[in-house]
Protein backbone atom coordinates (compact mmCIF):
# COMPACT_ATOMS: atom_id res chain seq x y z
CA MET A 1 69.06 105.30 41.58
CA ARG A 2 65.94 106.59 43.30
CA ILE A 3 63.26 104.14 44.39
CA ALA A 4 59.59 105.11 44.65
CA LEU A 5 57.59 102.91 47.02
CA PRO A 6 54.49 101.54 45.24
CA THR A 7 52.00 102.01 48.11
CA GLU A 8 50.37 105.24 46.92
CA LEU A 9 51.67 105.44 43.36
CA GLU A 10 48.56 104.27 41.53
CA ARG A 11 46.35 106.66 43.48
CA ILE A 12 48.67 109.66 43.04
CA THR A 13 49.42 109.06 39.34
CA GLY A 14 45.75 108.37 38.70
CA HIS A 15 44.85 111.74 40.23
CA VAL A 16 47.44 113.49 38.04
CA MET A 17 46.17 111.75 34.91
CA ARG A 18 42.50 112.51 35.57
CA GLU A 19 43.32 116.21 35.91
CA PHE A 20 45.82 116.29 33.05
CA GLN A 21 43.59 114.19 30.75
CA PRO A 22 46.29 113.09 28.28
CA ASP A 23 45.57 111.84 24.78
CA VAL A 24 48.55 109.49 25.02
CA VAL A 25 51.10 108.46 27.65
CA HIS A 26 54.79 107.87 26.91
CA ALA A 27 56.51 105.60 29.45
CA GLN A 28 60.30 105.56 29.58
CA GLY A 29 60.52 102.37 31.62
CA HIS A 30 58.58 99.64 33.39
CA PHE A 31 59.57 100.15 37.02
CA THR A 32 57.33 101.40 39.83
CA VAL A 33 56.26 104.88 38.65
CA SER A 34 55.93 103.90 34.98
CA LYS A 35 54.12 100.70 35.91
CA ALA A 36 51.57 102.64 37.97
CA VAL A 37 50.99 105.15 35.16
CA ILE A 38 50.62 102.38 32.58
CA HIS A 39 48.10 100.56 34.80
CA ASN A 40 46.05 103.74 35.18
CA ALA A 41 46.26 104.44 31.45
CA HIS A 42 44.83 101.00 30.66
CA GLU A 43 42.03 101.56 33.19
CA MET A 44 41.21 104.95 31.67
CA GLY A 45 41.48 103.87 28.03
CA VAL A 46 44.55 106.03 27.34
CA PRO A 47 46.99 104.60 24.76
CA VAL A 48 50.59 104.08 25.87
CA VAL A 49 53.84 104.35 23.91
CA GLY A 50 56.82 102.83 25.73
CA THR A 51 60.57 103.26 25.19
CA ASN A 52 63.03 100.70 26.50
CA HIS A 53 66.40 101.85 27.85
CA PHE A 54 66.64 98.81 30.13
CA MET A 55 69.50 96.33 30.40
CA PRO A 56 69.54 94.12 33.51
CA GLU A 57 73.35 94.11 33.35
CA ASN A 58 73.30 97.79 34.37
CA LEU A 59 71.73 96.78 37.69
CA THR A 60 72.41 93.15 38.60
CA HIS A 61 76.18 93.39 39.00
CA TYR A 62 75.63 95.70 41.99
CA ALA A 63 74.00 92.79 43.82
CA HIS A 64 77.34 90.87 43.82
CA LEU A 65 75.59 87.53 43.30
CA PRO A 66 77.12 84.26 42.07
CA GLU A 67 77.02 84.16 38.26
CA ARG A 68 74.24 81.55 38.12
CA MET A 69 72.01 83.55 40.47
CA GLU A 70 72.75 86.76 38.57
CA LYS A 71 71.60 85.11 35.31
CA LEU A 72 68.41 83.91 37.01
CA LEU A 73 67.76 87.44 38.29
CA GLN A 74 68.28 88.86 34.81
CA ARG A 75 65.80 86.38 33.31
CA TRP A 76 63.25 87.31 35.98
CA MET A 77 63.76 91.02 35.25
CA TRP A 78 63.20 90.43 31.55
CA SER A 79 59.96 88.55 32.33
CA GLN A 80 58.75 91.56 34.34
CA PHE A 81 59.63 93.88 31.46
CA ARG A 82 57.77 91.72 28.93
CA ARG A 83 54.69 91.54 31.14
CA VAL A 84 54.40 95.33 31.18
CA PHE A 85 55.58 96.34 27.69
CA GLU A 86 53.77 93.68 25.67
CA SER A 87 50.48 95.39 26.62
CA LEU A 88 51.40 98.73 25.00
CA GLU A 89 50.18 100.24 21.73
CA ALA A 90 53.72 100.96 20.50
CA VAL A 91 57.22 100.10 21.74
CA THR A 92 60.44 101.83 20.74
CA THR A 93 64.11 101.52 21.59
CA PRO A 94 67.01 103.77 20.49
CA THR A 95 68.99 101.39 18.24
CA ALA A 96 68.67 98.32 16.04
CA ARG A 97 71.09 96.46 18.36
CA ALA A 98 68.85 97.27 21.32
CA ALA A 99 65.83 95.90 19.44
CA GLN A 100 67.77 92.74 18.59
CA TYR A 101 68.74 92.42 22.26
CA MET A 102 65.08 92.69 23.32
CA ARG A 103 64.00 90.03 20.82
CA GLY A 104 66.79 87.76 22.01
CA ASN A 105 65.31 88.00 25.49
CA GLY A 106 61.84 86.92 24.46
CA PHE A 107 60.09 90.19 23.53
CA ASP A 108 57.81 89.22 20.64
CA ALA A 109 55.84 92.44 20.03
CA ASP A 110 56.70 94.93 17.28
CA ILE A 111 59.64 97.24 18.07
CA GLN A 112 60.31 100.59 16.39
CA VAL A 113 63.81 102.05 16.40
CA VAL A 114 63.84 105.75 17.35
CA SER A 115 67.13 107.41 18.28
CA ASN A 116 67.30 109.36 21.54
CA GLY A 117 68.45 112.25 19.40
CA VAL A 118 70.87 115.07 20.14
CA ASP A 119 70.40 118.85 20.19
CA LEU A 120 72.69 120.18 17.48
CA ASP A 121 71.94 123.76 18.53
CA ARG A 122 73.59 123.06 21.92
CA PHE A 123 76.37 120.69 20.92
CA HIS A 124 78.59 121.80 18.06
CA PRO A 125 82.32 122.36 17.39
CA ARG A 126 82.01 126.14 17.85
CA ALA A 127 80.86 125.98 21.49
CA THR A 128 83.68 127.76 23.31
CA ARG A 129 84.32 129.39 26.66
CA GLU A 130 87.59 131.27 27.00
CA ASP A 131 88.31 130.45 30.65
CA PHE A 132 87.11 126.85 30.56
CA ARG A 133 90.47 125.09 30.80
CA ASP A 134 91.73 127.45 33.50
CA ARG A 135 88.58 127.10 35.62
CA TYR A 136 88.75 123.30 35.48
CA GLY A 137 92.52 123.05 35.80
CA LEU A 138 93.05 121.36 32.44
CA PRO A 139 96.50 121.59 30.81
CA ALA A 140 97.12 122.73 27.25
CA ALA A 141 97.83 119.16 26.04
CA PRO A 142 95.46 117.44 23.56
CA LEU A 143 92.46 116.21 25.52
CA LEU A 144 90.88 112.74 25.53
CA LEU A 145 87.43 113.03 27.15
CA TYR A 146 84.91 110.78 28.85
CA VAL A 147 81.51 112.06 30.04
CA GLY A 148 79.26 109.86 32.17
CA ARG A 149 78.98 107.84 35.36
CA LEU A 150 82.13 106.50 37.02
CA ASP A 151 80.70 103.04 37.64
CA TRP A 152 81.76 99.43 37.07
CA GLU A 153 80.16 98.81 33.68
CA LYS A 154 81.84 101.91 32.21
CA ASN A 155 85.25 100.14 32.43
CA LEU A 156 87.27 103.29 33.00
CA ASP A 157 90.07 101.29 34.62
CA LEU A 158 90.75 99.95 31.12
CA VAL A 159 91.04 103.50 29.75
CA LEU A 160 93.50 104.44 32.50
CA GLN A 161 95.56 101.35 31.74
CA ALA A 162 95.60 102.22 28.03
CA VAL A 163 96.71 105.80 28.71
CA ALA A 164 99.45 104.48 31.01
CA LEU A 165 100.74 102.26 28.16
CA LEU A 166 101.21 105.23 25.83
CA PRO A 167 104.85 106.21 25.29
CA SER A 168 105.61 109.51 27.01
CA PRO A 169 106.26 111.45 23.75
CA VAL A 170 102.59 110.98 22.74
CA PRO A 171 100.88 114.16 23.98
CA ILE A 172 97.60 113.32 25.73
CA HIS A 173 95.63 114.28 28.81
CA PHE A 174 92.62 112.23 29.89
CA ALA A 175 89.67 113.93 31.61
CA THR A 176 86.48 112.44 33.03
CA ALA A 177 83.33 114.45 33.68
CA GLY A 178 80.88 112.77 36.03
CA THR A 179 80.50 111.13 39.40
CA GLY A 180 80.02 107.57 40.54
CA ALA A 181 80.87 104.79 42.94
CA ARG A 182 84.25 104.11 41.32
CA ARG A 183 85.81 107.57 41.50
CA GLU A 184 88.06 106.98 44.50
CA ALA A 185 89.19 103.59 43.18
CA LEU A 186 89.99 105.12 39.78
CA GLU A 187 91.96 107.95 41.37
CA ARG A 188 94.00 105.37 43.32
CA LEU A 189 94.58 103.37 40.13
CA ALA A 190 95.86 106.48 38.33
CA VAL A 191 98.42 106.97 41.13
CA GLU A 192 99.42 103.29 41.08
CA LEU A 193 99.96 103.45 37.31
CA GLY A 194 102.17 106.52 37.73
CA MET A 195 99.95 108.71 35.56
CA ALA A 196 98.19 110.94 38.08
CA LYS A 197 99.47 114.01 36.19
CA ARG A 198 97.99 112.74 32.90
CA VAL A 199 94.40 112.49 34.14
CA THR A 200 91.89 114.94 35.65
CA PHE A 201 88.71 113.83 37.41
CA LEU A 202 86.46 116.84 36.93
CA GLY A 203 83.55 115.46 38.94
CA PHE A 204 80.12 116.88 38.21
CA VAL A 205 80.15 119.37 35.32
CA PRO A 206 77.02 121.58 35.02
CA ASP A 207 74.95 121.24 31.85
CA GLU A 208 75.83 124.76 30.75
CA ASP A 209 79.55 123.86 30.66
CA LEU A 210 79.21 120.57 28.76
CA PRO A 211 79.15 122.01 25.21
CA ALA A 212 82.41 123.89 25.84
CA LEU A 213 83.98 120.80 27.41
CA TYR A 214 83.20 118.65 24.37
CA ALA A 215 84.29 121.36 21.92
CA GLY A 216 87.59 121.81 23.78
CA ALA A 217 88.44 118.11 23.59
CA HIS A 218 90.28 116.34 20.75
CA ALA A 219 88.72 112.85 21.00
CA PHE A 220 86.10 110.99 23.04
CA VAL A 221 86.40 107.54 24.60
CA ILE A 222 83.71 105.17 25.83
CA ALA A 223 84.58 101.72 27.13
CA GLY A 224 81.14 100.75 28.46
CA THR A 225 79.77 97.32 27.54
CA ALA A 226 76.11 97.97 28.39
CA GLU A 227 75.21 100.89 26.11
CA LEU A 228 71.87 100.75 24.29
CA GLN A 229 72.90 103.95 22.51
CA SER A 230 74.98 106.50 24.51
CA ILE A 231 73.78 110.08 24.49
CA ALA A 232 77.23 111.28 25.59
CA THR A 233 78.80 109.70 22.50
CA MET A 234 76.26 111.48 20.28
CA GLU A 235 76.99 114.80 22.01
CA ALA A 236 80.70 114.23 21.37
CA MET A 237 80.06 113.47 17.71
CA ALA A 238 77.89 116.58 17.37
CA SER A 239 80.86 118.51 18.77
CA GLY A 240 83.06 117.19 15.95
CA LEU A 241 85.04 114.61 17.91
CA PRO A 242 86.40 111.26 16.71
CA VAL A 243 85.36 108.41 19.04
CA LEU A 244 87.19 105.41 20.51
CA ALA A 245 84.53 102.91 21.60
CA ALA A 246 84.21 99.37 22.89
CA ASP A 247 82.92 96.96 20.25
CA ALA A 248 79.86 96.13 22.35
CA VAL A 249 76.04 96.30 22.15
CA ALA A 250 74.97 99.42 20.21
CA LEU A 251 78.16 101.49 20.07
CA PRO A 252 79.11 100.13 16.59
CA GLU A 253 75.98 101.85 15.21
CA LEU A 254 77.57 105.21 16.04
CA VAL A 255 81.28 104.48 15.57
CA HIS A 256 82.31 103.33 12.10
CA PRO A 257 85.88 101.97 12.28
CA GLY A 258 88.37 103.95 10.24
CA GLU A 259 85.74 106.61 9.42
CA ASN A 260 84.78 108.55 12.56
CA GLY A 261 86.86 106.59 15.07
CA TYR A 262 87.86 103.08 16.07
CA LEU A 263 86.32 100.15 17.92
CA PHE A 264 88.37 98.10 20.35
CA ALA A 265 87.77 94.69 21.87
CA PRO A 266 86.31 95.03 25.39
CA GLY A 267 89.01 94.40 27.96
CA ASN A 268 91.89 94.98 25.53
CA ALA A 269 93.97 97.88 26.87
CA GLU A 270 96.74 97.32 24.30
CA SER A 271 94.31 97.71 21.40
CA LEU A 272 92.84 100.89 22.88
CA CYS A 273 96.34 102.25 23.51
CA ASP A 274 97.29 101.67 19.87
CA GLN A 275 94.19 103.53 18.67
CA MET A 276 94.92 106.43 21.03
CA ARG A 277 98.44 106.62 19.63
CA ARG A 278 97.12 106.79 16.07
CA LEU A 279 94.69 109.59 16.85
CA PHE A 280 96.99 111.69 18.98
CA THR A 281 99.97 111.59 16.62
CA ASP A 282 97.99 112.53 13.49
CA CYS A 283 96.11 115.84 13.62
CA ASP A 284 94.79 115.45 10.06
CA LEU A 285 93.34 112.03 10.90
CA ARG A 286 91.57 113.47 13.95
CA ASP A 287 90.14 116.31 11.89
CA ARG A 288 88.88 113.98 9.14
CA MET A 289 87.27 111.64 11.64
CA GLY A 290 85.71 114.56 13.49
CA GLN A 291 84.12 115.78 10.26
CA GLU A 292 82.75 112.29 9.63
CA SER A 293 81.24 112.26 13.14
CA LEU A 294 79.42 115.46 12.21
CA ARG A 295 78.06 113.83 9.05
CA ILE A 296 76.90 110.65 10.80
CA ILE A 297 75.17 112.49 13.64
CA GLN A 298 72.85 114.29 11.21
CA ASP A 299 70.70 111.12 11.26
CA HIS A 300 70.17 111.63 15.02
CA THR A 301 68.87 115.19 15.25
CA LEU A 302 66.36 115.94 17.97
CA GLY A 303 63.93 117.22 15.33
CA ARG A 304 63.87 113.85 13.55
CA THR A 305 63.34 112.06 16.84
CA MET A 306 60.38 114.27 17.77
CA GLU A 307 58.78 113.84 14.34
CA LYS A 308 58.93 110.05 14.69
CA PHE A 309 57.43 110.16 18.17
CA GLU A 310 54.64 112.52 17.10
CA THR A 311 53.75 110.06 14.35
CA LEU A 312 53.61 107.23 16.90
CA TYR A 313 51.51 109.32 19.29
CA THR A 314 49.00 110.13 16.56
CA ALA A 315 48.72 106.49 15.51
CA ALA A 316 48.36 105.29 19.11
CA ALA A 317 45.74 107.92 19.90
CA GLY A 318 43.64 106.57 17.05
CA GLU A 319 43.53 103.09 18.62
CA ARG A 320 41.90 103.99 21.94
CA THR A 321 39.45 106.58 23.18
CA PRO A 322 40.25 107.94 26.65
CA ALA A 323 37.37 108.08 29.12
CA TRP A 324 37.34 111.90 29.10
CA SER A 325 36.99 111.97 25.30
CA GLN A 326 33.71 110.07 25.44
CA PRO A 327 30.53 112.05 24.57
CA GLY A 328 29.59 114.30 27.46
CA ALA A 329 33.02 114.21 29.08
CA GLY A 330 34.69 117.59 29.55
CA ARG A 331 38.34 118.42 29.08
CA ALA A 332 40.36 119.98 31.87
CA LYS A 333 40.91 123.72 31.40
CA SER A 334 44.57 123.52 32.46
CA LEU A 335 47.24 121.03 31.52
CA VAL A 336 48.84 121.46 34.96
CA PRO A 337 47.28 119.54 37.88
CA SER A 338 45.82 121.88 40.52
CA PHE A 339 48.17 120.71 43.26
CA MET A 340 51.16 121.66 41.08
CA ARG A 341 49.94 125.18 40.21
């Protein structure tokens, strides 16, 4: 997590905006940089659309506070979010569950649900690379995949425990793609569980290799309990994979039990193990569920997402008139600030 000190932010972002002269600003958060841009936009009469990807739970557990103090911190963080986002022309969030979560934490303004979207031209079942498994040291066994951060809220220790519970005749290899604070601890856990040979920690995988990684897998797993949507899950679905997901926050909007995968109770390794066994002992079931993932993900195409945002931008731009659009004000000749050219 990078932190931008607020000292010069309003001046710097204000300079960028005066040169860029936007018709509308889209803020993807309410922290320091976004807050400075939103403040400048209000001063300059520029309408702002904001998207919320924020859950305090993704941050506060790193503070290692007593539970009561952690709850107080979360309430304070929500109050800061409301103070910034309730002043915007339009507010979106990726899922209906995320919108419900925002309302449950006191956000009273209108919320529009707009999926993050997924690029179906990049992620699809046909994305292959002949030497991929050899280059990454992956065995020929059916592959269960996780893509994302290796951090506490992703609950990957549960996945390792579930894989360890599988009877040895069930063919499965678990691979994680990503980095994070928990990698060393997870590697130690795999050794302790006696399953070091059944798991590969790939570390950082470049973007250009991700489509082949998804397409080469047989199922995707996500045990996180703080997901407002999960782009990685959508990429897996676009690649034709069935999904095993925690029954938490917004994941049930993507994973329909018995159709394109299964949901398991958070913290229940036995339940997840049973679902793994079902998937990895029935090729036809995996194929059917993978096809259903492809059908469901059609509602989350990047094109649909952009169309919805363009509609919001047009509506927002009609509500305010930026200072540089006033009579006599000129438009900048270039959309790139001079100090960036």
